[in-house]
Amino acid sequence: MLLSSFLNQRTILMENDALDREQIYKNMIAAICKVYGKESNTCDDMLLKKILERDREASVGYPSGLAIPHVRLEDLNDTIVCLCFLKHPIDYDGVQVRWIAMILTDIASSRLYLNIVAALLKVSQNAEFMGRIFACENAHDIFVAFDKEKIQISKSLHLEDIMTPKPITLGPDYTLGNLNSLINRYGHAVFPVVDEAGRFLGEVHILNMLKIGVPDYMLSIDNLNFLQSVEPLERIFEQEHTLLVQDFMDKEPPTLEPSASIIETVSMMIHHQRRVFCVVEDGILKGIITAKDIVRKVIRA
């Protein structure tokens, strides 16, 4: 099954004006309703409301510059895709989105929806193809480009389809202070450690940092209620500029490959009691996957 089989040049928009997200969605819904209006009773303000509510629950913007707003409808017996390419990118929670793929589907088509999303995400990461798309002058040319590319919709979903590529990383010579700054800036609990060539060396967890402030002998004591002072944690501050990441990172953490299935990923998370895994292929870091990604991009989707 080809991605182009779900596209219609009448629901491919090229937006040259600087509009906000809501107005862009209105334009896309208008195009959808003009073509498919007879197949659904949802061509009204309620459709826009449902899509915006879904957006507020979790960001639909991806690092590759694509946003995928979507909604499942009880009275829809089809899967509808509308594309909109923006001359003026808009912000999705820190991600600069250059094109939007709005998907409407019925309640029972979760697998098909996820596979369409996977195909769109792969396309969005193909810089050469996207360059050709943005060079097109009209919707017809965009449709033809997608059709000629013969983009297949896979029957399965893999980790590479939903992982975060190019995550924030640390070098082995970063200091404890550098790690502390990144934790405070991004709010992440785990950071991959790589060398200059992108080879995966290990990972550092926020607990690795906190453990520096807890002497080993304390870990063998069952009850530390008698300690009222945070004095042991001062060791963290004392070594902020001298202790290197390579000295306290996990050098052989469990990892996953991009081709891993979603169920394999979930099983690994449960087995290892870990919410975050680095994704590694042939020794090179490819991305990072979190339990939250699976909930947001697979289960909640």
C-alpha atoms as a PDB file:
ATOM      1  CA  MET A   1       0.000   0.000   0.000  1.00  0.00           C
ATOM      2  CA  LEU A   2       1.379   3.378  -1.015  1.00  0.00           C
ATOM      3  CA  LEU A   3       1.183   6.586   0.994  1.00  0.00           C
ATOM      4  CA  SER A   4       0.035   8.426  -2.124  1.00  0.00           C
ATOM      5  CA  SER A   5      -3.119   6.281  -2.178  1.00  0.00           C
ATOM      6  CA  PHE A   6      -4.304   8.281   0.854  1.00  0.00           C
ATOM      7  CA  LEU A   7      -3.524  11.653  -0.729  1.00  0.00           C
ATOM      8  CA  ASN A   8      -5.748  13.861  -2.829  1.00  0.00           C
ATOM      9  CA  GLN A   9      -4.335  16.932  -4.517  1.00  0.00           C
ATOM     10  CA  ARG A  10      -7.454  18.848  -3.455  1.00  0.00           C
ATOM     11  CA  THR A  11      -6.458  18.284   0.193  1.00  0.00           C
ATOM     12  CA  ILE A  12      -2.861  19.380  -0.303  1.00  0.00           C
ATOM     13  CA  LEU A  13      -2.446  23.028   0.667  1.00  0.00           C
ATOM     14  CA  MET A  14       0.416  25.494   0.232  1.00  0.00           C
ATOM     15  CA  GLU A  15       0.124  28.282   2.785  1.00  0.00           C
ATOM     16  CA  ASN A  16       2.081  31.424   1.941  1.00  0.00           C
ATOM     17  CA  ASP A  17       0.621  33.668   4.659  1.00  0.00           C
ATOM     18  CA  ALA A  18       1.872  33.779   8.246  1.00  0.00           C
ATOM     19  CA  LEU A  19      -1.056  32.205  10.112  1.00  0.00           C
ATOM     20  CA  ASP A  20      -1.471  30.752  13.565  1.00  0.00           C
ATOM     21  CA  ARG A  21      -2.105  27.065  14.172  1.00  0.00           C
ATOM     22  CA  GLU A  22      -5.870  27.401  14.611  1.00  0.00           C
ATOM     23  CA  GLN A  23      -6.350  29.238  11.318  1.00  0.00           C
ATOM     24  CA  ILE A  24      -4.208  26.715   9.461  1.00  0.00           C
ATOM     25  CA  TYR A  25      -6.317  23.908  10.923  1.00  0.00           C
ATOM     26  CA  LYS A  26      -9.492  25.722   9.856  1.00  0.00           C
ATOM     27  CA  ASN A  27      -8.185  25.932   6.290  1.00  0.00           C
ATOM     28  CA  MET A  28      -7.276  22.248   6.285  1.00  0.00           C
ATOM     29  CA  ILE A  29     -10.661  21.205   7.695  1.00  0.00           C
ATOM     30  CA  ALA A  30     -12.395  23.342   5.065  1.00  0.00           C
ATOM     31  CA  ALA A  31     -10.462  21.517   2.342  1.00  0.00           C
ATOM     32  CA  ILE A  32     -11.303  18.136   3.851  1.00  0.00           C
ATOM     33  CA  CYS A  33     -14.988  18.964   4.168  1.00  0.00           C
ATOM     34  CA  LYS A  34     -15.154  20.265   0.611  1.00  0.00           C
ATOM     35  CA  VAL A  35     -13.885  16.937  -0.714  1.00  0.00           C
ATOM     36  CA  TYR A  36     -15.186  14.439   1.853  1.00  0.00           C
ATOM     37  CA  GLY A  37     -18.046  16.326   3.514  1.00  0.00           C
ATOM     38  CA  LYS A  38     -20.723  13.846   2.442  1.00  0.00           C
ATOM     39  CA  GLU A  39     -18.916  10.997   4.218  1.00  0.00           C
ATOM     40  CA  SER A  40     -19.021  12.560   7.677  1.00  0.00           C
ATOM     41  CA  ASN A  41     -21.304  14.644   9.840  1.00  0.00           C
ATOM     42  CA  THR A  42     -18.328  16.273  11.588  1.00  0.00           C
ATOM     43  CA  CYS A  43     -17.602  19.084   9.146  1.00  0.00           C
ATOM     44  CA  ASP A  44     -18.260  21.814  11.666  1.00  0.00           C
ATOM     45  CA  ASP A  45     -16.582  23.636  14.525  1.00  0.00           C
ATOM     46  CA  MET A  46     -16.693  20.493  16.661  1.00  0.00           C
ATOM     47  CA  LEU A  47     -14.049  18.881  14.459  1.00  0.00           C
ATOM     48  CA  LEU A  48     -11.683  21.791  15.003  1.00  0.00           C
ATOM     49  CA  LYS A  49     -12.407  21.679  18.726  1.00  0.00           C
ATOM     50  CA  LYS A  50     -11.576  17.953  18.927  1.00  0.00           C
ATOM     51  CA  ILE A  51      -8.291  18.393  17.071  1.00  0.00           C
ATOM     52  CA  LEU A  52      -7.218  21.336  19.221  1.00  0.00           C
ATOM     53  CA  GLU A  53      -8.134  19.424  22.395  1.00  0.00           C
ATOM     54  CA  ARG A  54      -5.965  16.523  21.209  1.00  0.00           C
ATOM     55  CA  ASP A  55      -3.127  18.964  20.554  1.00  0.00           C
ATOM     56  CA  ARG A  56      -3.346  20.296  24.097  1.00  0.00           C
ATOM     57  CA  GLU A  57      -3.072  16.813  25.574  1.00  0.00           C
ATOM     58  CA  ALA A  58       0.337  16.213  23.979  1.00  0.00           C
ATOM     59  CA  SER A  59       2.467  17.938  21.376  1.00  0.00           C
ATOM     60  CA  VAL A  60       1.995  16.620  17.842  1.00  0.00           C
ATOM     61  CA  GLY A  61       5.149  18.287  16.518  1.00  0.00           C
ATOM     62  CA  TYR A  62       8.168  16.138  15.648  1.00  0.00           C
ATOM     63  CA  PRO A  63      11.854  17.155  15.522  1.00  0.00           C
ATOM     64  CA  SER A  64      11.950  16.632  11.751  1.00  0.00           C
ATOM     65  CA  GLY A  65       9.685  19.673  11.263  1.00  0.00           C
ATOM     66  CA  LEU A  66       6.416  17.779  10.768  1.00  0.00           C
ATOM     67  CA  ALA A  67       3.265  18.074  12.875  1.00  0.00           C
ATOM     68  CA  ILE A  68       0.567  15.389  12.775  1.00  0.00           C
ATOM     69  CA  PRO A  69      -2.696  16.601  14.327  1.00  0.00           C
ATOM     70  CA  HIS A  70      -5.232  13.821  14.320  1.00  0.00           C
ATOM     71  CA  VAL A  71      -8.540  12.628  15.658  1.00  0.00           C
ATOM     72  CA  ARG A  72     -10.566   9.409  15.530  1.00  0.00           C
ATOM     73  CA  LEU A  73     -14.244   9.791  14.685  1.00  0.00           C
ATOM     74  CA  GLU A  74     -17.095   7.377  15.283  1.00  0.00           C
ATOM     75  CA  ASP A  75     -19.086   8.378  12.204  1.00  0.00           C
ATOM     76  CA  LEU A  76     -16.179   8.214   9.732  1.00  0.00           C
ATOM     77  CA  ASN A  77     -15.755   5.144   7.552  1.00  0.00           C
ATOM     78  CA  ASP A  78     -12.519   6.217   5.947  1.00  0.00           C
ATOM     79  CA  THR A  79      -8.985   7.446   6.619  1.00  0.00           C
ATOM     80  CA  ILE A  80      -8.408  10.988   5.374  1.00  0.00           C
ATOM     81  CA  VAL A  81      -5.047  12.745   5.093  1.00  0.00           C
ATOM     82  CA  CYS A  82      -4.659  16.470   4.430  1.00  0.00           C
ATOM     83  CA  LEU A  83      -1.223  18.060   3.936  1.00  0.00           C
ATOM     84  CA  CYS A  84      -0.304  21.699   4.388  1.00  0.00           C
ATOM     85  CA  PHE A  85       3.136  23.114   3.535  1.00  0.00           C
ATOM     86  CA  LEU A  86       4.059  26.359   5.261  1.00  0.00           C
ATOM     87  CA  LYS A  87       6.130  29.218   3.919  1.00  0.00           C
ATOM     88  CA  HIS A  88       6.322  30.557   7.474  1.00  0.00           C
ATOM     89  CA  PRO A  89       7.105  27.788  10.024  1.00  0.00           C
ATOM     90  CA  ILE A  90       5.134  27.788  13.262  1.00  0.00           C
ATOM     91  CA  ASP A  91       6.199  26.741  16.746  1.00  0.00           C
ATOM     92  CA  TYR A  92       5.001  23.503  18.343  1.00  0.00           C
ATOM     93  CA  ASP A  93       6.404  23.483  21.866  1.00  0.00           C
ATOM     94  CA  GLY A  94       9.856  24.472  20.677  1.00  0.00           C
ATOM     95  CA  VAL A  95       9.752  22.579  17.372  1.00  0.00           C
ATOM     96  CA  GLN A  96       9.697  24.647  14.185  1.00  0.00           C
ATOM     97  CA  VAL A  97       7.099  22.929  11.998  1.00  0.00           C
ATOM     98  CA  ARG A  98       7.330  23.408   8.224  1.00  0.00           C
ATOM     99  CA  TRP A  99       4.476  21.114   7.193  1.00  0.00           C
ATOM    100  CA  ILE A 100       1.396  19.580   8.727  1.00  0.00           C
ATOM    101  CA  ALA A 101      -0.292  16.271   8.037  1.00  0.00           C
ATOM    102  CA  MET A 102      -3.815  16.179   9.465  1.00  0.00           C
ATOM    103  CA  ILE A 103      -5.255  12.685   9.765  1.00  0.00           C
ATOM    104  CA  LEU A 104      -8.896  11.787  10.372  1.00  0.00           C
ATOM    105  CA  THR A 105      -9.702   8.138  10.873  1.00  0.00           C
ATOM    106  CA  ASP A 106     -12.329   5.879  12.355  1.00  0.00           C
ATOM    107  CA  ILE A 107     -12.162   4.316  15.810  1.00  0.00           C
ATOM    108  CA  ALA A 108     -11.144   0.867  14.533  1.00  0.00           C
ATOM    109  CA  SER A 109      -8.209   1.914  12.338  1.00  0.00           C
ATOM    110  CA  SER A 110      -5.497   2.470  14.947  1.00  0.00           C
ATOM    111  CA  ARG A 111      -2.945   0.239  13.214  1.00  0.00           C
ATOM    112  CA  LEU A 112      -3.462   1.885   9.832  1.00  0.00           C
ATOM    113  CA  TYR A 113      -3.186   5.318  11.425  1.00  0.00           C
ATOM    114  CA  LEU A 114       0.091   4.421  13.146  1.00  0.00           C
ATOM    115  CA  ASN A 115       1.548   2.997   9.956  1.00  0.00           C
ATOM    116  CA  ILE A 116       0.639   6.151   8.028  1.00  0.00           C
ATOM    117  CA  VAL A 117       2.326   8.182  10.776  1.00  0.00           C
ATOM    118  CA  ALA A 118       5.430   6.000  10.483  1.00  0.00           C
ATOM    119  CA  ALA A 119       5.555   6.553   6.712  1.00  0.00           C
ATOM    120  CA  LEU A 120       5.127  10.316   7.110  1.00  0.00           C
ATOM    121  CA  LEU A 121       7.883  10.500   9.717  1.00  0.00           C
ATOM    122  CA  LYS A 122      10.302   8.645   7.448  1.00  0.00           C
ATOM    123  CA  VAL A 123       9.472  11.010   4.621  1.00  0.00           C
ATOM    124  CA  SER A 124      10.006  14.047   6.860  1.00  0.00           C
ATOM    125  CA  GLN A 125      13.531  12.829   7.653  1.00  0.00           C
ATOM    126  CA  ASN A 126      14.463  12.527   3.963  1.00  0.00           C
ATOM    127  CA  ALA A 127      16.094  15.906   3.351  1.00  0.00           C
ATOM    128  CA  GLU A 128      16.555  15.381  -0.386  1.00  0.00           C
ATOM    129  CA  PHE A 129      12.915  14.449  -0.974  1.00  0.00           C
ATOM    130  CA  MET A 130      11.599  17.223   1.252  1.00  0.00           C
ATOM    131  CA  GLY A 131      13.734  19.700  -0.670  1.00  0.00           C
ATOM    132  CA  ARG A 132      11.982  18.641  -3.864  1.00  0.00           C
ATOM    133  CA  ILE A 133       8.592  18.899  -2.186  1.00  0.00           C
ATOM    134  CA  PHE A 134       9.157  22.455  -0.987  1.00  0.00           C
ATOM    135  CA  ALA A 135      10.385  23.406  -4.454  1.00  0.00           C
ATOM    136  CA  CYS A 136       7.028  22.400  -5.976  1.00  0.00           C
ATOM    137  CA  GLU A 137       4.848  25.223  -7.221  1.00  0.00           C
ATOM    138  CA  ASN A 138       1.411  23.695  -6.702  1.00  0.00           C
ATOM    139  CA  ALA A 139      -0.524  20.873  -5.079  1.00  0.00           C
ATOM    140  CA  HIS A 140      -0.551  18.798  -8.259  1.00  0.00           C
ATOM    141  CA  ASP A 141       3.245  18.746  -8.391  1.00  0.00           C
ATOM    142  CA  ILE A 142       3.423  17.739  -4.726  1.00  0.00           C
ATOM    143  CA  PHE A 143       1.003  14.878  -5.282  1.00  0.00           C
ATOM    144  CA  VAL A 144       2.978  13.693  -8.316  1.00  0.00           C
ATOM    145  CA  ALA A 145       6.221  13.810  -6.310  1.00  0.00           C
ATOM    146  CA  PHE A 146       4.718  11.651  -3.549  1.00  0.00           C
ATOM    147  CA  ASP A 147       3.265   9.256  -6.118  1.00  0.00           C
ATOM    148  CA  LYS A 148       6.556   8.849  -7.978  1.00  0.00           C
ATOM    149  CA  GLU A 149       8.448   8.245  -4.735  1.00  0.00           C
ATOM    150  CA  LYS A 150       6.382   5.070  -4.147  1.00  0.00           C
ATOM    151  CA  ILE A 151       6.451   5.446  -0.362  1.00  0.00           C
ATOM    152  CA  GLN A 152       5.256   2.210   1.167  1.00  0.00           C
ATOM    153  CA  ILE A 153       3.038   2.053   4.233  1.00  0.00           C
ATOM    154  CA  SER A 154       4.499  -0.731   6.322  1.00  0.00           C
ATOM    155  CA  LYS A 155       2.308  -3.277   8.058  1.00  0.00           C
ATOM    156  CA  SER A 156       4.346  -3.005  11.247  1.00  0.00           C
ATOM    157  CA  LEU A 157       5.600  -0.254  13.512  1.00  0.00           C
ATOM    158  CA  HIS A 158       9.192  -0.159  14.687  1.00  0.00           C
ATOM    159  CA  LEU A 159      11.141   1.772  17.257  1.00  0.00           C
ATOM    160  CA  GLU A 160      12.779   3.983  14.629  1.00  0.00           C
ATOM    161  CA  ASP A 161       9.311   5.231  13.673  1.00  0.00           C
ATOM    162  CA  ILE A 162       8.579   6.815  17.050  1.00  0.00           C
ATOM    163  CA  MET A 163      11.961   7.354  18.740  1.00  0.00           C
ATOM    164  CA  THR A 164      13.482  10.807  19.180  1.00  0.00           C
ATOM    165  CA  PRO A 165      16.408  11.077  16.750  1.00  0.00           C
ATOM    166  CA  LYS A 166      19.422  13.260  17.517  1.00  0.00           C
ATOM    167  CA  PRO A 167      18.816  13.528  21.282  1.00  0.00           C
ATOM    168  CA  ILE A 168      20.797  15.838  23.532  1.00  0.00           C
ATOM    169  CA  THR A 169      24.107  14.090  24.257  1.00  0.00           C
ATOM    170  CA  LEU A 170      27.188  14.522  26.430  1.00  0.00           C
ATOM    171  CA  GLY A 171      30.835  13.865  25.717  1.00  0.00           C
ATOM    172  CA  PRO A 172      32.871  11.713  28.127  1.00  0.00           C
ATOM    173  CA  ASP A 173      34.908  14.771  29.128  1.00  0.00           C
ATOM    174  CA  TYR A 174      31.860  16.780  30.207  1.00  0.00           C
ATOM    175  CA  THR A 175      31.974  17.692  33.870  1.00  0.00           C
ATOM    176  CA  LEU A 176      29.474  16.982  36.617  1.00  0.00           C
ATOM    177  CA  GLY A 177      28.584  20.672  36.426  1.00  0.00           C
ATOM    178  CA  ASN A 178      27.822  20.363  32.686  1.00  0.00           C
ATOM    179  CA  LEU A 179      25.474  17.470  33.428  1.00  0.00           C
ATOM    180  CA  ASN A 180      23.735  19.424  36.182  1.00  0.00           C
ATOM    181  CA  SER A 181      23.183  22.337  33.795  1.00  0.00           C
ATOM    182  CA  LEU A 182      21.683  20.084  31.101  1.00  0.00           C
ATOM    183  CA  ILE A 183      19.348  18.398  33.581  1.00  0.00           C
ATOM    184  CA  ASN A 184      18.083  21.784  34.719  1.00  0.00           C
ATOM    185  CA  ARG A 185      17.796  23.124  31.167  1.00  0.00           C
ATOM    186  CA  TYR A 186      16.020  20.206  29.489  1.00  0.00           C
ATOM    187  CA  GLY A 187      14.480  18.309  32.399  1.00  0.00           C
ATOM    188  CA  HIS A 188      15.726  14.957  31.101  1.00  0.00           C
ATOM    189  CA  ALA A 189      16.677  12.196  33.523  1.00  0.00           C
ATOM    190  CA  VAL A 190      18.956  10.302  31.113  1.00  0.00           C
ATOM    191  CA  PHE A 191      21.560  11.523  28.621  1.00  0.00           C
ATOM    192  CA  PRO A 192      23.490   9.368  26.107  1.00  0.00           C
ATOM    193  CA  VAL A 193      27.275   9.730  26.140  1.00  0.00           C
ATOM    194  CA  VAL A 194      28.984   9.667  22.734  1.00  0.00           C
ATOM    195  CA  ASP A 195      32.388  10.438  21.257  1.00  0.00           C
ATOM    196  CA  GLU A 196      33.021  12.945  18.468  1.00  0.00           C
ATOM    197  CA  ALA A 197      32.095  10.361  15.815  1.00  0.00           C
ATOM    198  CA  GLY A 198      28.729   9.634  17.434  1.00  0.00           C
ATOM    199  CA  ARG A 199      29.795   6.260  18.815  1.00  0.00           C
ATOM    200  CA  PHE A 200      27.774   5.265  21.850  1.00  0.00           C
ATOM    201  CA  LEU A 201      29.913   5.068  24.980  1.00  0.00           C
ATOM    202  CA  GLY A 202      27.230   4.753  27.624  1.00  0.00           C
ATOM    203  CA  GLU A 203      24.658   6.866  29.401  1.00  0.00           C
ATOM    204  CA  VAL A 204      24.445   9.007  32.486  1.00  0.00           C
ATOM    205  CA  HIS A 205      21.371   9.093  34.689  1.00  0.00           C
ATOM    206  CA  ILE A 206      20.304  11.696  37.190  1.00  0.00           C
ATOM    207  CA  LEU A 207      20.709   8.997  39.846  1.00  0.00           C
ATOM    208  CA  ASN A 208      24.371   8.634  38.828  1.00  0.00           C
ATOM    209  CA  MET A 209      24.782  12.259  39.824  1.00  0.00           C
ATOM    210  CA  LEU A 210      22.878  11.952  43.109  1.00  0.00           C
ATOM    211  CA  LYS A 211      24.817   8.818  44.050  1.00  0.00           C
ATOM    212  CA  ILE A 212      27.999  10.897  44.135  1.00  0.00           C
ATOM    213  CA  GLY A 213      26.555  12.630  47.188  1.00  0.00           C
ATOM    214  CA  VAL A 214      25.790   9.379  49.006  1.00  0.00           C
ATOM    215  CA  PRO A 215      28.846   7.457  50.276  1.00  0.00           C
ATOM    216  CA  ASP A 216      28.826   3.715  49.586  1.00  0.00           C
ATOM    217  CA  TYR A 217      28.577   2.825  53.275  1.00  0.00           C
ATOM    218  CA  MET A 218      25.257   4.693  53.493  1.00  0.00           C
ATOM    219  CA  LEU A 219      23.759   2.481  50.788  1.00  0.00           C
ATOM    220  CA  SER A 220      24.163  -0.539  53.067  1.00  0.00           C
ATOM    221  CA  ILE A 221      22.188   1.086  55.895  1.00  0.00           C
ATOM    222  CA  ASP A 222      18.497   0.138  55.906  1.00  0.00           C
ATOM    223  CA  ASN A 223      17.209   3.262  57.654  1.00  0.00           C
ATOM    224  CA  LEU A 224      18.753   6.688  57.235  1.00  0.00           C
ATOM    225  CA  ASN A 225      16.062   8.607  59.093  1.00  0.00           C
ATOM    226  CA  PHE A 226      18.626   9.608  61.705  1.00  0.00           C
ATOM    227  CA  LEU A 227      20.374  11.774  59.103  1.00  0.00           C
ATOM    228  CA  GLN A 228      18.742  15.193  59.110  1.00  0.00           C
ATOM    229  CA  SER A 229      21.522  17.064  57.323  1.00  0.00           C
ATOM    230  CA  VAL A 230      22.079  17.172  53.569  1.00  0.00           C
ATOM    231  CA  GLU A 231      25.795  17.510  54.189  1.00  0.00           C
ATOM    232  CA  PRO A 232      26.725  14.343  52.220  1.00  0.00           C
ATOM    233  CA  LEU A 233      25.202  15.894  49.078  1.00  0.00           C
ATOM    234  CA  GLU A 234      27.767  18.653  49.307  1.00  0.00           C
ATOM    235  CA  ARG A 235      30.176  16.243  47.611  1.00  0.00           C
ATOM    236  CA  ILE A 236      28.272  16.966  44.397  1.00  0.00           C
ATOM    237  CA  PHE A 237      29.035  20.671  44.595  1.00  0.00           C
ATOM    238  CA  GLU A 238      32.654  20.075  45.570  1.00  0.00           C
ATOM    239  CA  GLN A 239      33.318  18.001  42.439  1.00  0.00           C
ATOM    240  CA  GLU A 240      31.228  19.986  39.949  1.00  0.00           C
ATOM    241  CA  HIS A 241      34.214  21.182  37.932  1.00  0.00           C
ATOM    242  CA  THR A 242      36.608  18.258  38.402  1.00  0.00           C
ATOM    243  CA  LEU A 243      34.619  15.026  38.108  1.00  0.00           C
ATOM    244  CA  LEU A 244      34.101  13.906  34.497  1.00  0.00           C
ATOM    245  CA  VAL A 245      31.078  12.068  33.085  1.00  0.00           C
ATOM    246  CA  GLN A 246      33.281   9.154  32.005  1.00  0.00           C
ATOM    247  CA  ASP A 247      34.122   8.542  35.677  1.00  0.00           C
ATOM    248  CA  PHE A 248      30.561   7.828  36.823  1.00  0.00           C
ATOM    249  CA  MET A 249      28.450   7.022  33.725  1.00  0.00           C
ATOM    250  CA  ASP A 250      26.949   3.578  33.005  1.00  0.00           C
ATOM    251  CA  LYS A 251      29.294   2.118  30.400  1.00  0.00           C
ATOM    252  CA  GLU A 252      27.255  -0.932  29.369  1.00  0.00           C
ATOM    253  CA  PRO A 253      23.556  -0.109  29.802  1.00  0.00           C
ATOM    254  CA  PRO A 254      20.954  -2.180  27.962  1.00  0.00           C
ATOM    255  CA  THR A 255      20.097  -0.665  24.582  1.00  0.00           C
ATOM    256  CA  LEU A 256      17.649  -1.263  21.754  1.00  0.00           C
ATOM    257  CA  GLU A 257      18.063  -1.287  17.984  1.00  0.00           C
ATOM    258  CA  PRO A 258      16.004   0.917  15.621  1.00  0.00           C
ATOM    259  CA  SER A 259      14.372  -2.192  14.137  1.00  0.00           C
ATOM    260  CA  ALA A 260      12.994  -3.342  17.503  1.00  0.00           C
ATOM    261  CA  SER A 261       9.244  -3.761  17.639  1.00  0.00           C
ATOM    262  CA  ILE A 262       7.124  -1.699  19.994  1.00  0.00           C
ATOM    263  CA  ILE A 263       6.125  -4.759  22.038  1.00  0.00           C
ATOM    264  CA  GLU A 264       9.794  -5.748  22.380  1.00  0.00           C
ATOM    265  CA  THR A 265      10.537  -2.245  23.629  1.00  0.00           C
ATOM    266  CA  VAL A 266       7.739  -2.362  26.199  1.00  0.00           C
ATOM    267  CA  SER A 267       8.911  -5.808  27.374  1.00  0.00           C
ATOM    268  CA  MET A 268      12.469  -4.515  27.816  1.00  0.00           C
ATOM    269  CA  MET A 269      11.226  -1.518  29.802  1.00  0.00           C
ATOM    270  CA  ILE A 270       9.230  -3.748  32.135  1.00  0.00           C
ATOM    271  CA  HIS A 271      11.993  -6.360  32.471  1.00  0.00           C
ATOM    272  CA  HIS A 272      14.730  -3.838  33.245  1.00  0.00           C
ATOM    273  CA  GLN A 273      12.437  -1.434  35.149  1.00  0.00           C
ATOM    274  CA  ARG A 274      13.626   1.408  32.915  1.00  0.00           C
ATOM    275  CA  ARG A 275      11.585   4.193  31.344  1.00  0.00           C
ATOM    276  CA  VAL A 276      14.304   5.304  28.922  1.00  0.00           C
ATOM    277  CA  PHE A 277      16.468   3.389  26.453  1.00  0.00           C
ATOM    278  CA  CYS A 278      19.157   4.592  24.099  1.00  0.00           C
ATOM    279  CA  VAL A 279      18.697   3.333  20.543  1.00  0.00           C
ATOM    280  CA  VAL A 280      21.970   2.078  19.056  1.00  0.00           C
ATOM    281  CA  GLU A 281      22.876   0.471  15.737  1.00  0.00           C
ATOM    282  CA  ASP A 282      26.371  -0.815  14.893  1.00  0.00           C
ATOM    283  CA  GLY A 283      27.755   1.100  17.842  1.00  0.00           C
ATOM    284  CA  ILE A 284      26.294   4.440  16.686  1.00  0.00           C
ATOM    285  CA  LEU A 285      23.651   6.301  18.686  1.00  0.00           C
ATOM    286  CA  LYS A 286      20.490   6.647  16.587  1.00  0.00           C
ATOM    287  CA  GLY A 287      18.048   8.078  19.087  1.00  0.00           C
ATOM    288  CA  ILE A 288      16.335   7.671  22.413  1.00  0.00           C
ATOM    289  CA  ILE A 289      12.979   6.189  23.360  1.00  0.00           C
ATOM    290  CA  THR A 290      10.937   6.788  26.512  1.00  0.00           C
ATOM    291  CA  ALA A 291       7.887   5.124  27.984  1.00  0.00           C
ATOM    292  CA  LYS A 292       6.138   8.460  27.559  1.00  0.00           C
ATOM    293  CA  ASP A 293       6.822   8.295  23.793  1.00  0.00           C
ATOM    294  CA  ILE A 294       5.013   4.959  23.580  1.00  0.00           C
ATOM    295  CA  VAL A 295       2.040   6.234  25.557  1.00  0.00           C
ATOM    296  CA  ARG A 296       1.798   9.461  23.560  1.00  0.00           C
ATOM    297  CA  LYS A 297       2.620   8.195  20.063  1.00  0.00           C
ATOM    298  CA  VAL A 298       1.156   4.681  20.146  1.00  0.00           C
ATOM    299  CA  ILE A 299      -1.331   4.026  22.934  1.00  0.00           C
ATOM    300  CA  ARG A 300      -2.848   7.509  23.236  1.00  0.00           C
ATOM    301  CA  ALA A 301      -2.753   7.987  19.472  1.00  0.00           C
END
